[in-house]
Amino acid sequence: MSAVQTLSALVLGHTDYGDTDRIVQLITAEQGRISALARGARSSKKRFTGTLELGSRIEATLRRGKGELWQFQAAELVHGHPHIRSFLESITLSAYLCEMVRELGRREQPEPKLFGLLDVALLVLDACTEPPQAAFRLGFEAKALSFAGLTPVLTQCAGCGQAADGPMIWSVSGGGMMHEACGVGPGVSSAWALAVEGFRRTPLSELVDTPAPTGGSPWLLSELMIWHQGRPLRSRELLITLEAG
């Protein structure tokens, strides 16, 4: 493998390092989730101007380090998704989508589906003239969980495998919907679960104007991911407040 690679990447976040540097988290199709050191990113007004913002798509020329940390040689902005910044809801949603992919993406393992999903989601969000309805987020969550090998159980009981009839609950430890007799959790209707399963199979661009289905909390998929990862999503609480408002 070449020590230097040029990869299409999406910026998932960053951490300041030292007085002038920045460690940037990226998702790529070929290398999955990686961290790269951008030397002088906080002091130079020319080298990385506008390229390392959250959600930006870039062409990154990277040198492989000895450990897990790569080093930027150069970065060129492909798409900065500027219209997302027109609405606080869209800004927060884009941060949430990036955070979710950062949690689910495997380090230095190919992640073409997660990369492609986030790439499309940010392009659709950038094209929206107003923040999308909740089905857009639910569809993204369902797709991302599936691509990460955590497909939520939505069409049958996750406990006994039988048809979803009668009173149902949502079990994060069980991976999805269950009969009341098979698990413990908040109530959820089979109609809600079938609607979300439909979102999972629908292109995100077709979910922009679709509201969340009734019969279950709009955050059940998010809670499933949090349970699996064992830590909260920092952007989630603000997004909950904005969607409720």
Protein backbone atom coordinates (compact mmCIF):
# COMPACT_ATOMS: atom_id res chain seq x y z
CA MET A 1 0.00 0.00 0.00
CA SER A 2 1.31 3.43 -0.95
CA ALA A 3 2.35 5.65 1.95
CA VAL A 4 0.54 8.58 0.29
CA GLN A 5 -3.07 8.29 -0.89
CA THR A 6 -5.59 10.74 -2.32
CA LEU A 7 -9.08 9.90 -1.09
CA SER A 8 -12.55 11.38 -1.35
CA ALA A 9 -13.57 12.08 2.23
CA LEU A 10 -16.28 13.67 4.34
CA VAL A 11 -15.30 15.60 7.46
CA LEU A 12 -16.95 14.13 10.56
CA GLY A 13 -15.41 16.43 13.18
CA HIS A 14 -12.13 17.63 14.58
CA THR A 15 -10.15 18.10 17.77
CA ASP A 16 -7.64 20.88 18.39
CA TYR A 17 -4.11 19.60 18.95
CA GLY A 18 -1.28 21.64 20.36
CA ASP A 19 -1.15 25.36 19.61
CA THR A 20 -1.72 25.33 15.85
CA ASP A 21 -2.70 21.84 14.68
CA ARG A 22 -5.97 19.97 14.36
CA ILE A 23 -6.85 16.27 14.28
CA VAL A 24 -9.65 15.74 11.77
CA GLN A 25 -11.99 12.74 11.70
CA LEU A 26 -12.90 11.57 8.20
CA ILE A 27 -15.03 8.89 6.56
CA THR A 28 -13.86 7.45 3.24
CA ALA A 29 -15.14 4.64 1.08
CA GLU A 30 -11.76 2.88 0.90
CA GLN A 31 -10.36 3.33 4.41
CA GLY A 32 -13.53 3.82 6.43
CA ARG A 33 -13.14 6.08 9.46
CA ILE A 34 -9.70 7.62 9.88
CA SER A 35 -8.09 10.45 11.85
CA ALA A 36 -5.61 12.77 10.20
CA LEU A 37 -3.33 15.49 11.56
CA ALA A 38 -3.65 18.85 9.80
CA ARG A 39 -0.52 20.76 10.78
CA GLY A 40 -1.02 24.50 11.06
CA ALA A 41 -4.76 24.24 10.41
CA ARG A 42 -5.54 26.74 13.17
CA SER A 43 -2.84 29.24 12.28
CA SER A 44 -2.58 29.25 8.47
CA LYS A 45 -5.06 31.45 6.61
CA LYS A 46 -4.38 29.76 3.29
CA ARG A 47 -3.54 26.06 3.57
CA PHE A 48 -6.87 24.63 4.81
CA THR A 49 -9.22 27.61 4.51
CA GLY A 50 -12.81 26.35 4.34
CA THR A 51 -11.87 22.74 3.63
CA LEU A 52 -12.04 21.07 7.04
CA GLU A 53 -15.48 22.23 8.16
CA LEU A 54 -17.95 19.66 9.50
CA GLY A 55 -19.71 17.87 6.65
CA SER A 56 -17.44 19.16 3.88
CA ARG A 57 -16.58 16.79 1.07
CA ILE A 58 -12.91 17.03 0.21
CA GLU A 59 -10.19 15.40 -1.85
CA ALA A 60 -7.60 14.62 0.81
CA THR A 61 -4.00 13.74 0.06
CA LEU A 62 -2.83 11.85 3.12
CA ARG A 63 0.38 10.22 4.28
CA ARG A 64 0.07 7.10 6.35
CA GLY A 65 1.73 7.47 9.76
CA LYS A 66 3.25 4.76 11.91
CA GLY A 67 0.19 4.45 14.13
CA GLU A 68 -3.50 5.17 13.51
CA LEU A 69 -2.94 8.87 12.80
CA TRP A 70 -2.59 9.91 9.17
CA GLN A 71 -1.13 13.28 8.10
CA PHE A 72 -2.60 15.76 5.63
CA GLN A 73 -0.37 16.64 2.71
CA ALA A 74 -3.10 18.65 0.97
CA ALA A 75 -6.89 19.06 0.92
CA GLU A 76 -9.15 20.41 -1.81
CA LEU A 77 -12.76 21.36 -1.17
CA VAL A 78 -15.24 19.54 -3.41
CA HIS A 79 -18.51 20.61 -1.77
CA GLY A 80 -19.00 22.69 1.36
CA HIS A 81 -22.83 22.33 1.49
CA PRO A 82 -23.27 26.06 2.23
CA HIS A 83 -27.07 26.12 2.15
CA ILE A 84 -27.27 23.80 5.17
CA ARG A 85 -26.22 26.81 7.23
CA SER A 86 -29.46 28.61 6.31
CA PHE A 87 -31.36 26.89 9.15
CA LEU A 88 -30.35 25.95 12.69
CA GLU A 89 -32.36 22.74 12.33
CA SER A 90 -30.39 21.74 9.22
CA ILE A 91 -27.05 22.61 10.84
CA THR A 92 -27.90 20.47 13.86
CA LEU A 93 -29.23 17.63 11.71
CA SER A 94 -26.06 17.57 9.59
CA ALA A 95 -23.97 17.43 12.78
CA TYR A 96 -26.12 14.56 14.01
CA LEU A 97 -25.75 12.61 10.76
CA CYS A 98 -21.97 13.09 10.83
CA GLU A 99 -21.79 12.05 14.47
CA MET A 100 -23.82 8.93 13.78
CA VAL A 101 -21.51 7.88 10.94
CA ARG A 102 -18.48 8.63 13.11
CA GLU A 103 -19.85 6.25 15.73
CA LEU A 104 -20.84 3.49 13.30
CA GLY A 105 -17.96 3.64 10.82
CA ARG A 106 -15.19 1.09 11.28
CA ARG A 107 -11.65 2.35 11.61
CA GLU A 108 -9.54 1.68 8.52
CA GLN A 109 -12.01 -0.80 7.04
CA PRO A 110 -13.83 -0.14 3.74
CA GLU A 111 -17.12 1.70 4.32
CA PRO A 112 -18.49 2.50 0.83
CA LYS A 113 -22.14 2.30 1.92
CA LEU A 114 -21.83 4.57 4.96
CA PHE A 115 -19.72 7.04 2.99
CA GLY A 116 -22.22 7.05 0.13
CA LEU A 117 -25.18 7.39 2.48
CA LEU A 118 -23.74 10.43 4.26
CA ASP A 119 -22.61 11.97 0.97
CA VAL A 120 -26.14 11.73 -0.47
CA ALA A 121 -27.78 12.88 2.77
CA LEU A 122 -25.69 16.06 2.93
CA LEU A 123 -26.33 16.84 -0.74
CA VAL A 124 -30.09 16.41 -0.26
CA LEU A 125 -30.02 18.48 2.92
CA ASP A 126 -28.06 21.22 1.15
CA ALA A 127 -30.69 21.31 -1.62
CA CYS A 128 -33.63 21.67 0.78
CA THR A 129 -35.38 25.04 0.91
CA GLU A 130 -36.44 24.28 4.49
CA PRO A 131 -35.47 21.65 7.06
CA PRO A 132 -36.70 18.14 6.13
CA GLN A 133 -39.40 16.26 7.97
CA ALA A 134 -38.54 13.58 10.54
CA ALA A 135 -38.88 10.70 8.07
CA PHE A 136 -35.66 11.89 6.43
CA ARG A 137 -33.74 11.36 9.69
CA LEU A 138 -35.50 8.07 10.42
CA GLY A 139 -34.66 6.80 6.95
CA PHE A 140 -31.03 7.78 7.41
CA GLU A 141 -30.86 6.09 10.82
CA ALA A 142 -32.43 2.87 9.51
CA LYS A 143 -30.07 2.74 6.53
CA ALA A 144 -26.97 3.58 8.59
CA LEU A 145 -27.75 0.92 11.19
CA SER A 146 -28.30 -1.64 8.45
CA PHE A 147 -25.03 -0.75 6.69
CA ALA A 148 -23.22 -1.12 10.03
CA GLY A 149 -24.63 -4.62 10.58
CA LEU A 150 -27.20 -3.51 13.17
CA THR A 151 -30.36 -3.77 11.07
CA PRO A 152 -33.34 -2.98 13.31
CA VAL A 153 -36.05 -5.65 13.52
CA LEU A 154 -39.17 -3.97 12.14
CA THR A 155 -41.31 -6.62 10.44
CA GLN A 156 -41.54 -9.35 13.09
CA CYS A 157 -40.89 -10.01 16.76
CA ALA A 158 -37.17 -9.82 17.53
CA GLY A 159 -37.70 -12.29 20.39
CA CYS A 160 -39.70 -15.18 18.96
CA GLY A 161 -39.52 -14.38 15.25
CA GLN A 162 -43.28 -14.57 14.84
CA ALA A 163 -45.49 -12.06 13.04
CA ALA A 164 -45.95 -8.66 14.65
CA ASP A 165 -49.54 -8.98 15.87
CA GLY A 166 -51.07 -7.83 19.11
CA PRO A 167 -49.46 -5.39 21.57
CA MET A 168 -45.81 -4.70 20.68
CA ILE A 169 -42.89 -3.02 22.48
CA TRP A 170 -39.49 -1.65 21.44
CA SER A 171 -36.48 -3.42 22.94
CA VAL A 172 -33.07 -1.80 22.41
CA SER A 173 -31.28 -4.84 23.83
CA GLY A 174 -33.33 -7.12 21.58
CA GLY A 175 -32.67 -5.08 18.48
CA GLY A 176 -36.14 -3.83 17.67
CA MET A 177 -39.82 -4.65 17.93
CA MET A 178 -41.07 -7.44 20.22
CA HIS A 179 -44.31 -8.86 21.55
CA GLU A 180 -45.09 -7.67 25.06
CA ALA A 181 -44.62 -11.24 26.24
CA CYS A 182 -41.12 -11.42 24.76
CA GLY A 183 -39.49 -8.31 26.20
CA VAL A 184 -39.70 -5.02 28.05
CA GLY A 185 -39.77 -1.53 26.61
CA PRO A 186 -41.97 1.33 25.44
CA GLY A 187 -45.02 0.53 23.36
CA VAL A 188 -44.82 0.71 19.59
CA SER A 189 -47.32 -0.11 16.87
CA SER A 190 -46.63 -2.49 14.02
CA ALA A 191 -47.84 0.27 11.67
CA TRP A 192 -45.03 2.55 12.95
CA ALA A 193 -42.46 -0.17 12.42
CA LEU A 194 -43.70 -0.97 8.91
CA ALA A 195 -43.56 2.72 8.01
CA VAL A 196 -39.94 2.96 9.20
CA GLU A 197 -39.08 -0.21 7.28
CA GLY A 198 -40.47 1.55 4.23
CA PHE A 199 -38.25 4.56 4.96
CA ARG A 200 -35.24 2.23 5.15
CA ARG A 201 -35.89 1.15 1.56
CA THR A 202 -36.79 4.59 0.16
CA PRO A 203 -34.28 7.07 -1.31
CA LEU A 204 -33.64 9.92 1.12
CA SER A 205 -34.65 12.51 -1.47
CA GLU A 206 -38.18 11.09 -1.39
CA LEU A 207 -38.47 11.42 2.42
CA VAL A 208 -37.83 15.16 2.73
CA ASP A 209 -41.52 16.08 3.00
CA THR A 210 -42.69 12.97 4.88
CA PRO A 211 -43.58 13.41 8.57
CA ALA A 212 -42.74 10.87 11.25
CA PRO A 213 -45.29 8.05 11.58
CA THR A 214 -47.51 7.84 14.64
CA GLY A 215 -47.50 4.90 17.01
CA GLY A 216 -43.97 5.18 18.36
CA SER A 217 -41.32 7.62 19.49
CA PRO A 218 -39.44 9.24 16.58
CA TRP A 219 -36.17 8.51 18.44
CA LEU A 220 -36.37 4.74 18.86
CA LEU A 221 -33.74 4.00 16.21
CA SER A 222 -31.43 6.57 17.75
CA GLU A 223 -31.80 4.90 21.15
CA LEU A 224 -30.99 1.54 19.56
CA MET A 225 -27.71 2.90 18.23
CA ILE A 226 -26.83 4.56 21.54
CA TRP A 227 -27.39 1.26 23.34
CA HIS A 228 -25.08 -0.58 20.96
CA GLN A 229 -22.36 2.08 21.09
CA GLY A 230 -22.60 2.61 24.85
CA ARG A 231 -22.39 6.40 24.73
CA PRO A 232 -24.73 9.30 23.87
CA LEU A 233 -24.70 11.46 20.75
CA ARG A 234 -23.83 15.04 21.69
CA SER A 235 -25.93 16.61 18.93
CA ARG A 236 -29.03 14.56 19.74
CA GLU A 237 -30.50 16.60 22.59
CA LEU A 238 -30.52 19.86 20.65
CA LEU A 239 -32.04 18.11 17.63
CA ILE A 240 -34.79 16.65 19.81
CA THR A 241 -35.61 20.14 21.07
CA LEU A 242 -35.62 21.64 17.58
CA GLU A 243 -37.82 18.89 16.10
CA ALA A 244 -40.27 19.20 18.99
CA GLY A 245 -40.45 22.99 18.63
